[in-house]
Every structure is written in structure tokens, then in C-alpha cells.
Amino acid sequence: MRGLVTAGVDMSVDARFVDVLCRRGSHILDIGCGIGNAVRALRTAGHEAYGIDPSERVLSVAYELSTADWFRSLSAQSVSVDSLARAALPVEYDAILMTGNVPAFLSSEELESVMCSVALLLNDGGILVIGTTTASRGGPRDQDRIAESVDLKLLHRYSDWHLTPWSRNSPWTVSVFGGEGQRDFGSGPDGIFTLP
């Protein structure tokens, strides 16, 4: 991954997807952040983004390519208000990401526990964005079943980060789940200029 980043390969498409869904300055957590591509891109876009990953080896590359304060060594399974507070990270988020097949590495019980914790960490109108292989464990079938039990509802589903419509035959899935409340994009026009 480091080689791809240093060679200039675009590794930030997931961050651009999330950036469009969030108002500027949003608090964003990347669960399973790897070498920190999304966190770095979201920070550059003006968000307060943080990443967690259980691998110190992977995080050492994130520290090398970014600012170490943005990252913590935590597993997806350990995410909670208490663990984030102990790690000196915010405990409320406008968006939380789980991309790069993170759900495929979790058992059904672990994914349910993580999604339950995420629901508690989201601000009113906050979103959970999951990118994973469709047919793998933790794919859309598992996500939808769990979402019903943890008060998250499916808002959007695509077959890639470029908004290609999803079908059951799509090899990749990008799902956007929402918690309770209305999404707030602030009071500015944000690119919307309604004619009289």
C-alpha cells in the first residue's frame, strides 16, 4: 500500500465519497484505517478525521505519511465510548467508515457489536459508511439484518464509490446507514443557489 501511495495512485476515492456526504468540519472516524489514506484525505478536505487500526505495523506507515496524532491502535471489536475516551479521541461522530473489507474480518457477533457501538457514537443524523465485498461475510445481507436490530437504517447502497447502482450481482458494495435525527449541513448555501 505504501508503494501505491508514494507512486501517486489514487487511494482516496472513499474519502471523496464521504466528504460529499458531510458538511465541512465534520468529526469522522475510520475504523480499520490501514495506512491512513482516507483520514489524510478527509483532513485535507477540512474535516476532523481520526483512524483506528489494530496493526501497529500498518499504523507505522500511517505515522510516516501523516500526523501520528490522528491515529490510534484499536481494533474494530474494541470500539466504544469508553475505549475512544481512553484513547483521547472524540466520542461523537458525524460519520464513521468501515471500508476495505473490515466487516469480512469480523464474525457475525463481532459485526453486530461494532454496529451497535457505532450507532451509539453517531450524532443525530450521523452516518455509517461500509465498503466491502458483496458475497463475503459482513456483506449487505449481514449488514441489513444487523442494522434492523441496532436502530440504523439503510439510506443508500451502491456497487462502487462512484455511485454505480447496486445489484445483487455487484462484486463490491458501498452501503450508507443512518442513525436517528435529521442531517444538518449548516446554514450556508453549500453550492446551492436557488433562483427566484
N, C-alpha and C. Protein backbone atom coordinates (compact mmCIF):
# COMPACT_ATOMS: atom_id res chain seq x y z
N MET A 1 0.82 -1.20 0.00
CA MET A 1 0.00 0.00 0.00
C MET A 1 0.87 1.26 0.00
N ARG A 2 1.94 1.26 0.80
CA ARG A 2 2.79 2.44 0.84
C ARG A 2 3.31 2.76 -0.56
N GLY A 3 3.71 1.71 -1.31
CA GLY A 3 4.22 1.90 -2.66
C GLY A 3 3.20 2.55 -3.57
N LEU A 4 1.94 2.15 -3.45
CA LEU A 4 0.89 2.74 -4.27
C LEU A 4 0.71 4.22 -3.94
N VAL A 5 0.72 4.53 -2.65
CA VAL A 5 0.54 5.92 -2.22
C VAL A 5 1.70 6.78 -2.71
N THR A 6 2.94 6.31 -2.47
CA THR A 6 4.09 7.12 -2.87
C THR A 6 4.23 7.21 -4.39
N ALA A 7 3.65 6.26 -5.13
CA ALA A 7 3.66 6.32 -6.59
C ALA A 7 2.57 7.23 -7.14
N GLY A 8 1.72 7.76 -6.25
CA GLY A 8 0.68 8.69 -6.68
C GLY A 8 -0.62 8.04 -7.11
N VAL A 9 -0.80 6.75 -6.82
CA VAL A 9 -2.06 6.08 -7.17
C VAL A 9 -3.18 6.66 -6.29
N ASP A 10 -4.33 6.92 -6.89
CA ASP A 10 -5.47 7.50 -6.16
C ASP A 10 -6.02 6.47 -5.18
N MET A 11 -5.76 6.70 -3.91
CA MET A 11 -6.24 5.80 -2.86
C MET A 11 -7.27 6.49 -1.97
N SER A 12 -7.86 7.58 -2.45
CA SER A 12 -8.73 8.39 -1.60
C SER A 12 -10.17 8.47 -2.08
N VAL A 13 -10.58 7.57 -2.96
CA VAL A 13 -11.93 7.67 -3.51
C VAL A 13 -12.99 7.50 -2.42
N ASP A 14 -12.73 6.66 -1.41
CA ASP A 14 -13.69 6.52 -0.32
C ASP A 14 -13.82 7.81 0.47
N ALA A 15 -12.72 8.52 0.63
CA ALA A 15 -12.76 9.79 1.35
C ALA A 15 -13.56 10.84 0.59
N ARG A 16 -13.43 10.88 -0.72
CA ARG A 16 -14.22 11.83 -1.51
C ARG A 16 -15.71 11.52 -1.40
N PHE A 17 -16.05 10.23 -1.40
CA PHE A 17 -17.43 9.81 -1.24
C PHE A 17 -17.98 10.34 0.09
N VAL A 18 -17.24 10.13 1.17
CA VAL A 18 -17.68 10.56 2.50
C VAL A 18 -17.71 12.08 2.60
N ASP A 19 -16.73 12.74 1.99
CA ASP A 19 -16.68 14.21 2.03
C ASP A 19 -17.96 14.82 1.48
N VAL A 20 -18.48 14.26 0.40
CA VAL A 20 -19.71 14.79 -0.21
C VAL A 20 -20.89 14.63 0.75
N LEU A 21 -20.87 13.61 1.58
CA LEU A 21 -21.99 13.34 2.49
C LEU A 21 -21.94 14.13 3.79
N CYS A 22 -20.84 14.85 4.02
CA CYS A 22 -20.65 15.53 5.30
C CYS A 22 -20.41 17.02 5.11
N ARG A 23 -20.92 17.80 6.04
CA ARG A 23 -20.61 19.22 5.99
C ARG A 23 -19.16 19.42 6.41
N ARG A 24 -18.57 20.52 5.98
CA ARG A 24 -17.18 20.82 6.28
C ARG A 24 -16.96 20.87 7.79
N GLY A 25 -15.86 20.32 8.24
CA GLY A 25 -15.52 20.32 9.66
C GLY A 25 -16.15 19.19 10.45
N SER A 26 -16.68 18.17 9.76
CA SER A 26 -17.32 17.05 10.45
C SER A 26 -16.31 16.22 11.23
N HIS A 27 -16.78 15.60 12.30
CA HIS A 27 -16.00 14.62 13.05
C HIS A 27 -16.22 13.27 12.39
N ILE A 28 -15.12 12.63 11.95
CA ILE A 28 -15.20 11.38 11.19
C ILE A 28 -14.22 10.38 11.77
N LEU A 29 -14.67 9.14 11.94
CA LEU A 29 -13.82 8.05 12.42
C LEU A 29 -13.72 6.98 11.36
N ASP A 30 -12.50 6.56 11.04
CA ASP A 30 -12.26 5.47 10.10
C ASP A 30 -11.83 4.24 10.89
N ILE A 31 -12.72 3.25 10.95
CA ILE A 31 -12.44 2.00 11.67
C ILE A 31 -11.74 1.05 10.71
N GLY A 32 -10.53 0.63 11.09
CA GLY A 32 -9.71 -0.19 10.19
C GLY A 32 -9.05 0.69 9.15
N CYS A 33 -8.44 1.78 9.59
CA CYS A 33 -7.95 2.83 8.70
C CYS A 33 -6.73 2.44 7.87
N GLY A 34 -6.08 1.32 8.21
CA GLY A 34 -4.90 0.94 7.45
C GLY A 34 -3.83 2.00 7.52
N ILE A 35 -3.26 2.37 6.38
CA ILE A 35 -2.16 3.35 6.37
C ILE A 35 -2.66 4.79 6.36
N GLY A 36 -3.95 4.99 6.53
CA GLY A 36 -4.49 6.32 6.78
C GLY A 36 -4.85 7.16 5.57
N ASN A 37 -5.03 6.53 4.41
CA ASN A 37 -5.35 7.31 3.21
C ASN A 37 -6.62 8.14 3.37
N ALA A 38 -7.69 7.53 3.85
CA ALA A 38 -8.96 8.26 3.97
C ALA A 38 -8.85 9.36 5.02
N VAL A 39 -8.20 9.07 6.14
CA VAL A 39 -8.05 10.08 7.19
C VAL A 39 -7.28 11.28 6.65
N ARG A 40 -6.18 11.02 5.98
CA ARG A 40 -5.36 12.10 5.42
C ARG A 40 -6.17 12.93 4.42
N ALA A 41 -6.90 12.28 3.52
CA ALA A 41 -7.69 13.00 2.52
C ALA A 41 -8.82 13.79 3.17
N LEU A 42 -9.48 13.22 4.18
CA LEU A 42 -10.56 13.93 4.86
C LEU A 42 -10.03 15.12 5.65
N ARG A 43 -8.87 14.99 6.24
CA ARG A 43 -8.23 16.12 6.93
C ARG A 43 -7.92 17.23 5.93
N THR A 44 -7.39 16.86 4.77
CA THR A 44 -7.08 17.84 3.72
C THR A 44 -8.35 18.56 3.27
N ALA A 45 -9.49 17.86 3.28
CA ALA A 45 -10.78 18.44 2.87
C ALA A 45 -11.41 19.28 3.99
N GLY A 46 -10.77 19.37 5.15
CA GLY A 46 -11.28 20.23 6.20
C GLY A 46 -12.08 19.55 7.29
N HIS A 47 -11.99 18.23 7.40
CA HIS A 47 -12.71 17.51 8.44
C HIS A 47 -11.78 17.16 9.59
N GLU A 48 -12.37 16.92 10.75
CA GLU A 48 -11.61 16.43 11.89
C GLU A 48 -11.74 14.90 11.87
N ALA A 49 -10.82 14.27 11.17
CA ALA A 49 -10.88 12.82 10.95
C ALA A 49 -9.82 12.11 11.77
N TYR A 50 -10.18 10.91 12.23
CA TYR A 50 -9.29 10.06 13.01
C TYR A 50 -9.40 8.64 12.49
N GLY A 51 -8.35 7.86 12.71
CA GLY A 51 -8.37 6.48 12.27
C GLY A 51 -7.90 5.54 13.36
N ILE A 52 -8.52 4.35 13.39
CA ILE A 52 -8.07 3.32 14.32
C ILE A 52 -7.78 2.05 13.52
N ASP A 53 -6.79 1.31 13.96
CA ASP A 53 -6.42 0.05 13.33
C ASP A 53 -5.70 -0.78 14.37
N PRO A 54 -5.89 -2.10 14.37
CA PRO A 54 -5.23 -2.93 15.39
C PRO A 54 -3.77 -3.23 15.09
N SER A 55 -3.31 -2.93 13.89
CA SER A 55 -1.95 -3.31 13.49
C SER A 55 -0.96 -2.16 13.66
N GLU A 56 -0.06 -2.30 14.61
CA GLU A 56 0.98 -1.29 14.80
C GLU A 56 1.87 -1.18 13.57
N ARG A 57 2.09 -2.30 12.89
CA ARG A 57 2.92 -2.29 11.68
C ARG A 57 2.30 -1.41 10.61
N VAL A 58 1.00 -1.56 10.41
CA VAL A 58 0.29 -0.75 9.43
C VAL A 58 0.25 0.70 9.87
N LEU A 59 -0.01 0.92 11.15
CA LEU A 59 -0.08 2.30 11.65
C LEU A 59 1.27 3.01 11.56
N SER A 60 2.36 2.27 11.62
CA SER A 60 3.68 2.92 11.50
C SER A 60 3.80 3.61 10.14
N VAL A 61 3.17 3.05 9.09
CA VAL A 61 3.16 3.69 7.78
C VAL A 61 2.26 4.92 7.82
N ALA A 62 1.12 4.83 8.50
CA ALA A 62 0.23 5.99 8.65
C ALA A 62 0.98 7.13 9.35
N TYR A 63 1.74 6.81 10.38
CA TYR A 63 2.50 7.83 11.11
C TYR A 63 3.54 8.47 10.18
N GLU A 64 4.14 7.66 9.33
CA GLU A 64 5.17 8.14 8.41
C GLU A 64 4.57 9.07 7.35
N LEU A 65 3.38 8.74 6.85
CA LEU A 65 2.76 9.50 5.77
C LEU A 65 1.88 10.66 6.25
N SER A 66 1.51 10.66 7.53
CA SER A 66 0.57 11.65 8.06
C SER A 66 1.04 12.13 9.42
N THR A 67 0.11 12.65 10.19
CA THR A 67 0.37 13.10 11.55
C THR A 67 -0.06 12.00 12.52
N ALA A 68 0.85 11.54 13.34
CA ALA A 68 0.59 10.40 14.23
C ALA A 68 -0.58 10.64 15.17
N ASP A 69 -0.83 11.87 15.56
CA ASP A 69 -1.92 12.17 16.50
C ASP A 69 -3.30 11.83 15.95
N TRP A 70 -3.40 11.62 14.66
CA TRP A 70 -4.68 11.32 14.04
C TRP A 70 -5.06 9.85 14.20
N PHE A 71 -4.14 9.02 14.67
CA PHE A 71 -4.33 7.57 14.65
C PHE A 71 -4.15 6.95 16.03
N ARG A 72 -4.88 5.84 16.27
CA ARG A 72 -4.74 5.07 17.50
C ARG A 72 -4.77 3.59 17.16
N SER A 73 -4.11 2.82 18.00
CA SER A 73 -4.11 1.37 17.85
C SER A 73 -5.30 0.80 18.62
N LEU A 74 -6.38 0.54 17.91
CA LEU A 74 -7.60 -0.05 18.48
C LEU A 74 -8.21 -0.96 17.42
N SER A 75 -8.80 -2.04 17.86
CA SER A 75 -9.50 -2.92 16.93
C SER A 75 -10.94 -2.47 16.77
N ALA A 76 -11.57 -2.90 15.70
CA ALA A 76 -12.99 -2.62 15.49
C ALA A 76 -13.81 -3.16 16.65
N GLN A 77 -13.45 -4.35 17.12
CA GLN A 77 -14.21 -5.01 18.19
C GLN A 77 -14.16 -4.24 19.51
N SER A 78 -13.13 -3.40 19.69
CA SER A 78 -12.99 -2.69 20.96
C SER A 78 -13.61 -1.29 20.93
N VAL A 79 -14.21 -0.90 19.82
CA VAL A 79 -14.78 0.44 19.70
C VAL A 79 -15.94 0.62 20.66
N SER A 80 -15.83 1.65 21.49
CA SER A 80 -16.89 2.02 22.42
C SER A 80 -16.63 3.45 22.87
N VAL A 81 -17.61 4.04 23.51
CA VAL A 81 -17.42 5.37 24.07
C VAL A 81 -16.23 5.36 25.02
N ASP A 82 -16.16 4.35 25.90
CA ASP A 82 -15.08 4.28 26.88
C ASP A 82 -13.71 4.10 26.23
N SER A 83 -13.59 3.19 25.25
CA SER A 83 -12.27 2.95 24.64
C SER A 83 -11.80 4.17 23.86
N LEU A 84 -12.70 4.86 23.19
CA LEU A 84 -12.31 6.06 22.46
C LEU A 84 -11.91 7.18 23.42
N ALA A 85 -12.64 7.33 24.51
CA ALA A 85 -12.29 8.35 25.50
C ALA A 85 -10.92 8.06 26.11
N ARG A 86 -10.66 6.78 26.44
CA ARG A 86 -9.34 6.41 26.98
C ARG A 86 -8.22 6.69 25.98
N ALA A 87 -8.54 6.59 24.70
CA ALA A 87 -7.55 6.84 23.65
C ALA A 87 -7.47 8.33 23.28
N ALA A 88 -8.17 9.17 24.03
CA ALA A 88 -8.20 10.62 23.81
C ALA A 88 -8.73 10.97 22.41
N LEU A 89 -9.77 10.25 22.00
CA LEU A 89 -10.46 10.53 20.74
C LEU A 89 -11.87 11.03 21.05
N PRO A 90 -12.47 11.78 20.12
CA PRO A 90 -13.87 12.18 20.33
C PRO A 90 -14.77 10.95 20.49
N VAL A 91 -15.90 11.15 21.14
CA VAL A 91 -16.84 10.05 21.35
C VAL A 91 -18.16 10.29 20.62
N GLU A 92 -18.21 11.32 19.77
CA GLU A 92 -19.38 11.59 18.93
C GLU A 92 -18.88 11.91 17.53
N TYR A 93 -19.56 11.32 16.53
CA TYR A 93 -19.12 11.48 15.14
C TYR A 93 -20.29 11.77 14.21
N ASP A 94 -19.98 12.53 13.16
CA ASP A 94 -20.94 12.80 12.10
C ASP A 94 -20.93 11.68 11.07
N ALA A 95 -19.79 11.01 10.94
CA ALA A 95 -19.67 9.88 10.01
C ALA A 95 -18.63 8.90 10.54
N ILE A 96 -18.90 7.62 10.33
CA ILE A 96 -17.96 6.56 10.67
C ILE A 96 -17.82 5.67 9.45
N LEU A 97 -16.58 5.34 9.10
CA LEU A 97 -16.29 4.49 7.94
C LEU A 97 -15.81 3.13 8.39
N MET A 98 -16.21 2.12 7.66
CA MET A 98 -15.63 0.77 7.75
C MET A 98 -15.48 0.31 6.31
N THR A 99 -14.32 0.55 5.74
CA THR A 99 -14.10 0.24 4.33
C THR A 99 -12.97 -0.77 4.19
N GLY A 100 -12.67 -1.14 2.97
CA GLY A 100 -11.57 -2.06 2.74
C GLY A 100 -11.79 -3.45 3.31
N ASN A 101 -13.03 -3.90 3.30
CA ASN A 101 -13.38 -5.25 3.73
C ASN A 101 -13.27 -5.49 5.24
N VAL A 102 -13.28 -4.46 6.06
CA VAL A 102 -13.22 -4.65 7.51
C VAL A 102 -14.30 -5.62 7.99
N PRO A 103 -15.57 -5.51 7.54
CA PRO A 103 -16.59 -6.44 8.03
C PRO A 103 -16.29 -7.91 7.73
N ALA A 104 -15.55 -8.18 6.65
CA ALA A 104 -15.25 -9.57 6.28
C ALA A 104 -14.32 -10.25 7.29
N PHE A 105 -13.62 -9.45 8.06
CA PHE A 105 -12.69 -10.00 9.06
C PHE A 105 -13.33 -10.16 10.42
N LEU A 106 -14.61 -9.81 10.53
CA LEU A 106 -15.33 -9.91 11.80
C LEU A 106 -16.33 -11.05 11.74
N SER A 107 -16.54 -11.71 12.87
CA SER A 107 -17.62 -12.69 12.94
C SER A 107 -18.95 -11.94 12.93
N SER A 108 -20.04 -12.65 12.73
CA SER A 108 -21.36 -12.01 12.76
C SER A 108 -21.61 -11.32 14.09
N GLU A 109 -21.22 -11.97 15.18
CA GLU A 109 -21.41 -11.40 16.51
C GLU A 109 -20.56 -10.14 16.68
N GLU A 110 -19.33 -10.18 16.19
CA GLU A 110 -18.46 -9.00 16.30
C GLU A 110 -18.99 -7.85 15.46
N LEU A 111 -19.46 -8.13 14.24
CA LEU A 111 -20.01 -7.07 13.41
C LEU A 111 -21.23 -6.45 14.06
N GLU A 112 -22.07 -7.28 14.65
CA GLU A 112 -23.25 -6.74 15.35
C GLU A 112 -22.83 -5.85 16.51
N SER A 113 -21.84 -6.27 17.27
CA SER A 113 -21.34 -5.47 18.39
C SER A 113 -20.76 -4.14 17.90
N VAL A 114 -19.99 -4.18 16.81
CA VAL A 114 -19.40 -2.96 16.26
C VAL A 114 -20.48 -2.01 15.77
N MET A 115 -21.47 -2.54 15.03
CA MET A 115 -22.53 -1.68 14.52
C MET A 115 -23.37 -1.10 15.65
N CYS A 116 -23.55 -1.85 16.71
CA CYS A 116 -24.26 -1.34 17.89
C CYS A 116 -23.48 -0.19 18.52
N SER A 117 -22.17 -0.37 18.66
CA SER A 117 -21.32 0.70 19.22
C SER A 117 -21.33 1.93 18.32
N VAL A 118 -21.25 1.70 17.03
CA VAL A 118 -21.27 2.82 16.08
C VAL A 118 -22.56 3.61 16.22
N ALA A 119 -23.69 2.94 16.34
CA ALA A 119 -24.97 3.63 16.48
C ALA A 119 -24.96 4.56 17.69
N LEU A 120 -24.26 4.17 18.75
CA LEU A 120 -24.17 5.00 19.95
C LEU A 120 -23.21 6.17 19.79
N LEU A 121 -22.26 6.06 18.86
CA LEU A 121 -21.25 7.10 18.65
C LEU A 121 -21.70 8.17 17.65
N LEU A 122 -22.74 7.87 16.85
CA LEU A 122 -23.17 8.81 15.82
C LEU A 122 -23.99 9.95 16.39
N ASN A 123 -23.68 11.16 15.95
CA ASN A 123 -24.51 12.32 16.27
C ASN A 123 -25.87 12.17 15.60
N ASP A 124 -26.83 12.99 15.99
CA ASP A 124 -28.12 12.99 15.30
C ASP A 124 -27.87 13.21 13.82
N GLY A 125 -28.44 12.35 12.99
CA GLY A 125 -28.25 12.47 11.55
C GLY A 125 -26.93 11.92 11.06
N GLY A 126 -26.14 11.30 11.94
CA GLY A 126 -24.84 10.75 11.55
C GLY A 126 -24.99 9.53 10.66
N ILE A 127 -23.91 9.20 9.95
CA ILE A 127 -23.95 8.08 9.01
C ILE A 127 -22.81 7.09 9.25
N LEU A 128 -23.08 5.85 8.90
CA LEU A 128 -22.09 4.78 8.87
C LEU A 128 -21.94 4.38 7.41
N VAL A 129 -20.70 4.41 6.90
CA VAL A 129 -20.41 4.04 5.52
C VAL A 129 -19.58 2.77 5.54
N ILE A 130 -20.10 1.72 4.88
CA ILE A 130 -19.42 0.44 4.84
C ILE A 130 -19.12 0.08 3.39
N GLY A 131 -17.85 -0.19 3.10
CA GLY A 131 -17.45 -0.66 1.78
C GLY A 131 -16.84 -2.04 1.93
N THR A 132 -17.41 -3.03 1.23
CA THR A 132 -16.92 -4.40 1.39
C THR A 132 -17.33 -5.26 0.20
N THR A 133 -16.76 -6.43 0.12
CA THR A 133 -17.11 -7.39 -0.92
C THR A 133 -18.53 -7.90 -0.66
N THR A 134 -19.34 -7.89 -1.70
CA THR A 134 -20.76 -8.25 -1.56
C THR A 134 -20.97 -9.65 -1.01
N ALA A 135 -20.25 -10.63 -1.56
CA ALA A 135 -20.52 -12.03 -1.22
C ALA A 135 -19.79 -12.50 0.03
N SER A 136 -18.98 -11.66 0.63
CA SER A 136 -18.21 -12.09 1.81
C SER A 136 -19.05 -12.00 3.08
N ARG A 137 -18.53 -12.62 4.13
CA ARG A 137 -19.12 -12.44 5.45
C ARG A 137 -19.09 -10.95 5.74
N GLY A 138 -20.13 -10.43 6.35
CA GLY A 138 -20.20 -9.00 6.64
C GLY A 138 -20.72 -8.18 5.47
N GLY A 139 -21.17 -8.85 4.41
CA GLY A 139 -21.71 -8.17 3.24
C GLY A 139 -23.09 -7.60 3.51
N PRO A 140 -23.78 -7.14 2.47
CA PRO A 140 -25.05 -6.44 2.66
C PRO A 140 -26.13 -7.25 3.37
N ARG A 141 -26.17 -8.54 3.15
CA ARG A 141 -27.19 -9.35 3.83
C ARG A 141 -26.98 -9.28 5.35
N ASP A 142 -25.74 -9.47 5.80
CA ASP A 142 -25.44 -9.39 7.24
C ASP A 142 -25.66 -7.97 7.76
N GLN A 143 -25.21 -6.98 7.00
CA GLN A 143 -25.36 -5.58 7.42
C GLN A 143 -26.83 -5.22 7.64
N ASP A 144 -27.67 -5.59 6.68
CA ASP A 144 -29.09 -5.24 6.77
C ASP A 144 -29.77 -5.91 7.96
N ARG A 145 -29.43 -7.18 8.18
CA ARG A 145 -30.01 -7.91 9.32
C ARG A 145 -29.63 -7.23 10.63
N ILE A 146 -28.36 -6.87 10.75
CA ILE A 146 -27.87 -6.26 11.99
C ILE A 146 -28.43 -4.84 12.14
N ALA A 147 -28.46 -4.08 11.06
CA ALA A 147 -28.92 -2.69 11.13
C ALA A 147 -30.31 -2.59 11.73
N GLU A 148 -31.19 -3.52 11.38
CA GLU A 148 -32.55 -3.51 11.92
C GLU A 148 -32.55 -3.60 13.45
N SER A 149 -31.60 -4.35 14.00
CA SER A 149 -31.60 -4.56 15.44
C SER A 149 -30.86 -3.47 16.22
N VAL A 150 -30.13 -2.59 15.52
CA VAL A 150 -29.35 -1.57 16.24
C VAL A 150 -29.77 -0.14 15.87
N ASP A 151 -30.98 0.01 15.35
CA ASP A 151 -31.53 1.33 15.03
C ASP A 151 -30.74 2.11 13.99
N LEU A 152 -30.21 1.41 13.00
CA LEU A 152 -29.62 2.06 11.83
C LEU A 152 -30.47 1.68 10.63
N LYS A 153 -30.68 2.62 9.73
CA LYS A 153 -31.48 2.29 8.55
C LYS A 153 -30.64 2.54 7.29
N LEU A 154 -30.85 1.69 6.32
CA LEU A 154 -30.15 1.82 5.06
C LEU A 154 -30.67 3.05 4.32
N LEU A 155 -29.75 3.97 4.01
CA LEU A 155 -30.11 5.18 3.27
C LEU A 155 -29.78 5.06 1.79
N HIS A 156 -28.62 4.45 1.48
CA HIS A 156 -28.16 4.32 0.10
C HIS A 156 -27.31 3.06 -0.01
N ARG A 157 -27.29 2.49 -1.21
CA ARG A 157 -26.38 1.36 -1.50
C ARG A 157 -25.94 1.45 -2.95
N TYR A 158 -24.63 1.33 -3.16
CA TYR A 158 -24.04 1.42 -4.49
C TYR A 158 -23.09 0.24 -4.70
N SER A 159 -22.68 0.06 -5.96
CA SER A 159 -21.76 -1.03 -6.24
C SER A 159 -20.30 -0.56 -6.31
N ASP A 160 -20.09 0.74 -6.09
CA ASP A 160 -18.72 1.27 -6.02
C ASP A 160 -18.78 2.67 -5.42
N TRP A 161 -17.62 3.31 -5.31
CA TRP A 161 -17.54 4.65 -4.71
C TRP A 161 -18.00 5.74 -5.67
N HIS A 162 -18.33 5.36 -6.92
CA HIS A 162 -18.72 6.33 -7.94
C HIS A 162 -20.23 6.34 -8.18
N LEU A 163 -20.99 5.80 -7.26
CA LEU A 163 -22.46 5.83 -7.26
C LEU A 163 -23.09 4.95 -8.33
N THR A 164 -22.38 3.94 -8.79
CA THR A 164 -22.97 2.99 -9.73
C THR A 164 -24.07 2.23 -9.00
N PRO A 165 -25.27 2.14 -9.60
CA PRO A 165 -26.37 1.43 -8.92
C PRO A 165 -25.96 0.01 -8.51
N TRP A 166 -26.41 -0.39 -7.35
CA TRP A 166 -26.08 -1.70 -6.80
C TRP A 166 -27.06 -2.75 -7.30
N SER A 167 -26.55 -3.95 -7.52
CA SER A 167 -27.40 -5.11 -7.77
C SER A 167 -26.80 -6.28 -7.00
N ARG A 168 -27.56 -7.32 -6.84
CA ARG A 168 -27.08 -8.49 -6.11
C ARG A 168 -25.86 -9.13 -6.79
N ASN A 169 -25.65 -8.84 -8.07
CA ASN A 169 -24.51 -9.38 -8.80
C ASN A 169 -23.27 -8.50 -8.69
N SER A 170 -23.40 -7.34 -8.05
CA SER A 170 -22.25 -6.45 -7.90
C SER A 170 -21.22 -7.10 -6.98
N PRO A 171 -19.95 -7.12 -7.38
CA PRO A 171 -18.93 -7.74 -6.52
C PRO A 171 -18.59 -6.90 -5.30
N TRP A 172 -18.81 -5.60 -5.36
CA TRP A 172 -18.46 -4.69 -4.27
C TRP A 172 -19.72 -3.96 -3.84
N THR A 173 -19.78 -3.58 -2.59
CA THR A 173 -20.94 -2.88 -2.05
C THR A 173 -20.50 -1.70 -1.21
N VAL A 174 -21.11 -0.56 -1.43
CA VAL A 174 -20.94 0.61 -0.57
C VAL A 174 -22.32 0.90 0.00
N SER A 175 -22.45 0.77 1.31
CA SER A 175 -23.73 0.98 1.99
C SER A 175 -23.62 2.18 2.92
N VAL A 176 -24.64 3.01 2.93
CA VAL A 176 -24.71 4.16 3.83
C VAL A 176 -25.90 3.95 4.75
N PHE A 177 -25.62 3.84 6.04
CA PHE A 177 -26.66 3.68 7.05
C PHE A 177 -26.77 4.96 7.86
N GLY A 178 -27.98 5.29 8.29
CA GLY A 178 -28.19 6.49 9.08
C GLY A 178 -28.77 6.17 10.43
N GLY A 179 -28.38 6.98 11.39
CA GLY A 179 -28.94 6.87 12.72
C GLY A 179 -30.17 7.75 12.84
N GLU A 180 -30.55 8.00 14.05
CA GLU A 180 -31.71 8.85 14.32
C GLU A 180 -31.38 10.30 14.02
N GLY A 181 -32.40 11.09 13.75
CA GLY A 181 -32.24 12.52 13.61
C GLY A 181 -32.11 12.98 12.17
N GLN A 182 -32.16 14.29 12.01
CA GLN A 182 -32.08 14.95 10.72
C GLN A 182 -30.65 15.36 10.44
N ARG A 183 -30.18 15.13 9.22
CA ARG A 183 -28.83 15.55 8.84
C ARG A 183 -28.79 17.06 8.73
N ASP A 184 -27.71 17.68 9.22
CA ASP A 184 -27.56 19.13 9.24
C ASP A 184 -26.34 19.50 8.41
N PHE A 185 -26.56 20.31 7.38
CA PHE A 185 -25.45 20.75 6.54
C PHE A 185 -25.12 22.22 6.76
N GLY A 186 -25.56 22.80 7.87
CA GLY A 186 -25.23 24.18 8.18
C GLY A 186 -26.15 25.15 7.47
N SER A 187 -25.85 26.45 7.63
CA SER A 187 -26.74 27.48 7.11
C SER A 187 -26.28 28.07 5.79
N GLY A 188 -25.06 27.79 5.35
CA GLY A 188 -24.55 28.35 4.11
C GLY A 188 -25.17 27.70 2.89
N PRO A 189 -25.00 28.30 1.72
CA PRO A 189 -25.61 27.75 0.51
C PRO A 189 -24.99 26.43 0.08
N ASP A 190 -23.72 26.18 0.41
CA ASP A 190 -23.06 24.92 0.09
C ASP A 190 -23.25 24.50 -1.37
N GLY A 191 -23.06 25.46 -2.27
CA GLY A 191 -23.17 25.16 -3.69
C GLY A 191 -24.59 25.20 -4.23
N ILE A 192 -25.56 25.53 -3.38
CA ILE A 192 -26.96 25.59 -3.83
C ILE A 192 -27.35 27.06 -3.94
N PHE A 193 -27.68 27.49 -5.13
CA PHE A 193 -28.07 28.87 -5.37
C PHE A 193 -29.43 28.85 -6.08
N THR A 194 -30.48 28.88 -5.29
CA THR A 194 -31.84 28.78 -5.82
C THR A 194 -32.24 30.10 -6.49
N LEU A 195 -32.71 29.98 -7.71
CA LEU A 195 -33.15 31.17 -8.44
C LEU A 195 -34.56 31.56 -7.99
N PRO A 196 -34.86 32.88 -8.00
CA PRO A 196 -36.20 33.31 -7.58
C PRO A 196 -37.26 32.90 -8.59
